[in-house]
C-alpha cells in the first residue's frame, strides 16, 4: 500500500504484466494478432519503446534517430 503515500511507487510490481497488457488491448482493437508478421512487428516496436522508457531516454528523439538509420539502442 506504499503507492498511496509515494506516487513514485507503481500500483503493481509486475512490469511483465504491464508490458503484455498493451499487446492484448491492441489485439482486441485492431486485430493486430491475426498474422504472425503483425505480431512480430508490434512486439518489436513495443519492446524497443519499453526499453527506451526503462533507460530514461526521450522516446520521440530515439524514434526519430531510429527512422533516420541511427538507432540509439542497442549500443554495442
C-alpha atoms as a PDB file:
ATOM      1  CA  UNK A   1       0.000   0.000   0.000  1.00  0.00           C
ATOM      2  CA  UNK A   2       3.064   2.241  -0.206  1.00  0.00           C
ATOM      3  CA  UNK A   3       1.871   3.590  -3.559  1.00  0.00           C
ATOM      4  CA  UNK A   4      -0.840   5.529  -1.679  1.00  0.00           C
ATOM      5  CA  UNK A   5       1.709   7.743   0.061  1.00  0.00           C
ATOM      6  CA  UNK A   6       4.512   7.680  -2.544  1.00  0.00           C
ATOM      7  CA  UNK A   7       3.442   8.356  -6.135  1.00  0.00           C
ATOM      8  CA  UNK A   8       6.803   7.102  -7.494  1.00  0.00           C
ATOM      9  CA  UNK A   9       5.915   3.546  -6.444  1.00  0.00           C
ATOM     10  CA  UNK A  10       3.951   1.718  -9.164  1.00  0.00           C
ATOM     11  CA  UNK A  11       0.459   0.431  -8.395  1.00  0.00           C
ATOM     12  CA  UNK A  12       1.620  -3.131  -9.028  1.00  0.00           C
ATOM     13  CA  UNK A  13       5.046  -4.717  -9.120  1.00  0.00           C
ATOM     14  CA  UNK A  14       4.665  -6.706 -12.308  1.00  0.00           C
ATOM     15  CA  UNK A  15       6.479  -4.972 -15.172  1.00  0.00           C
ATOM     16  CA  UNK A  16       5.876  -8.018 -17.355  1.00  0.00           C
ATOM     17  CA  UNK A  17       2.130  -7.700 -16.829  1.00  0.00           C
ATOM     18  CA  UNK A  18       2.202  -4.037 -17.837  1.00  0.00           C
ATOM     19  CA  UNK A  19       4.233  -4.879 -20.960  1.00  0.00           C
ATOM     20  CA  UNK A  20       1.812  -7.606 -22.073  1.00  0.00           C
ATOM     21  CA  UNK A  21      -1.352  -5.642 -21.292  1.00  0.00           C
ATOM     22  CA  UNK A  22      -0.793  -3.188 -24.158  1.00  0.00           C
ATOM     23  CA  UNK A  23      -0.459  -6.029 -26.670  1.00  0.00           C
ATOM     24  CA  UNK A  24      -3.764  -7.540 -25.574  1.00  0.00           C
ATOM     25  CA  UNK A  25      -5.505  -4.169 -25.935  1.00  0.00           C
ATOM     26  CA  UNK A  26      -4.021  -3.705 -29.422  1.00  0.00           C
ATOM     27  CA  UNK A  27      -5.034  -7.226 -30.393  1.00  0.00           C
ATOM     28  CA  UNK A  28      -8.632  -6.616 -29.333  1.00  0.00           C
ATOM     29  CA  UNK A  29      -8.931  -3.208 -31.010  1.00  0.00           C
ATOM     30  CA  UNK A  30      -7.331  -3.730 -34.396  1.00  0.00           C
ATOM     31  CA  UNK A  31      -6.889  -7.462 -34.753  1.00  0.00           C
ATOM     32  CA  UNK A  32      -3.122  -6.974 -34.926  1.00  0.00           C
ATOM     33  CA  UNK A  33      -2.633 -10.527 -33.704  1.00  0.00           C
ATOM     34  CA  UNK A  34      -4.220 -12.044 -36.784  1.00  0.00           C
ATOM     35  CA  UNK A  35      -0.914 -12.542 -38.612  1.00  0.00           C
ATOM     36  CA  UNK A  36       2.498 -13.627 -37.405  1.00  0.00           C
ATOM     37  CA  UNK A  37       4.185 -10.667 -39.118  1.00  0.00           C
ATOM     38  CA  UNK A  38       1.811  -8.224 -37.420  1.00  0.00           C
ATOM     39  CA  UNK A  39       2.503  -9.727 -34.008  1.00  0.00           C
ATOM     40  CA  UNK A  40       6.266  -9.702 -34.557  1.00  0.00           C
ATOM     41  CA  UNK A  41       6.283  -6.080 -35.737  1.00  0.00           C
ATOM     42  CA  UNK A  42       4.088  -4.918 -32.852  1.00  0.00           C
ATOM     43  CA  UNK A  43       6.167  -6.760 -30.233  1.00  0.00           C
ATOM     44  CA  UNK A  44       9.433  -5.472 -31.683  1.00  0.00           C
ATOM     45  CA  UNK A  45       8.253  -1.859 -31.602  1.00  0.00           C
ATOM     46  CA  UNK A  46       6.697  -2.122 -28.133  1.00  0.00           C
ATOM     47  CA  UNK A  47       9.809  -3.837 -26.773  1.00  0.00           C
ATOM     48  CA  UNK A  48      12.021  -1.075 -28.168  1.00  0.00           C
ATOM     49  CA  UNK A  49       9.798   1.656 -26.698  1.00  0.00           C
ATOM     50  CA  UNK A  50       9.639  -0.108 -23.337  1.00  0.00           C
ATOM     51  CA  UNK A  51      13.420  -0.396 -23.216  1.00  0.00           C
ATOM     52  CA  UNK A  52      13.845   3.291 -24.065  1.00  0.00           C
ATOM     53  CA  UNK A  53      11.490   4.284 -21.253  1.00  0.00           C
ATOM     54  CA  UNK A  54      13.200   1.996 -18.738  1.00  0.00           C
ATOM     55  CA  UNK A  55      16.556   3.532 -19.674  1.00  0.00           C
ATOM     56  CA  UNK A  56      15.141   7.034 -19.135  1.00  0.00           C
ATOM     57  CA  UNK A  57      15.617   8.106 -22.748  1.00  0.00           C
ATOM     58  CA  UNK A  58      13.449  10.506 -24.735  1.00  0.00           C
ATOM     59  CA  UNK A  59      11.218   8.211 -26.812  1.00  0.00           C
ATOM     60  CA  UNK A  60      10.398  10.704 -29.578  1.00  0.00           C
ATOM     61  CA  UNK A  61      14.047  11.639 -30.144  1.00  0.00           C
ATOM     62  CA  UNK A  62      15.087   7.983 -30.148  1.00  0.00           C
ATOM     63  CA  UNK A  63      12.364   7.119 -32.682  1.00  0.00           C
ATOM     64  CA  UNK A  64      13.424   9.986 -34.951  1.00  0.00           C
ATOM     65  CA  UNK A  65      17.023   8.736 -34.834  1.00  0.00           C
ATOM     66  CA  UNK A  66      15.937   5.147 -35.495  1.00  0.00           C
ATOM     67  CA  UNK A  67      13.907   6.199 -38.536  1.00  0.00           C
ATOM     68  CA  UNK A  68      16.926   8.128 -39.812  1.00  0.00           C
ATOM     69  CA  UNK A  69      19.003   4.959 -39.570  1.00  0.00           C
ATOM     70  CA  UNK A  70      20.819   5.769 -36.331  1.00  0.00           C
ATOM     71  CA  UNK A  71      19.129   3.762 -33.572  1.00  0.00           C
ATOM     72  CA  UNK A  72      20.010   4.691 -30.007  1.00  0.00           C
ATOM     73  CA  UNK A  73      19.735   1.150 -28.685  1.00  0.00           C
ATOM     74  CA  UNK A  74      21.256  -1.353 -28.680  1.00  0.00           C
ATOM     75  CA  UNK A  75      24.611   0.297 -28.227  1.00  0.00           C
ATOM     76  CA  UNK A  76      27.412  -2.192 -28.670  1.00  0.00           C
END
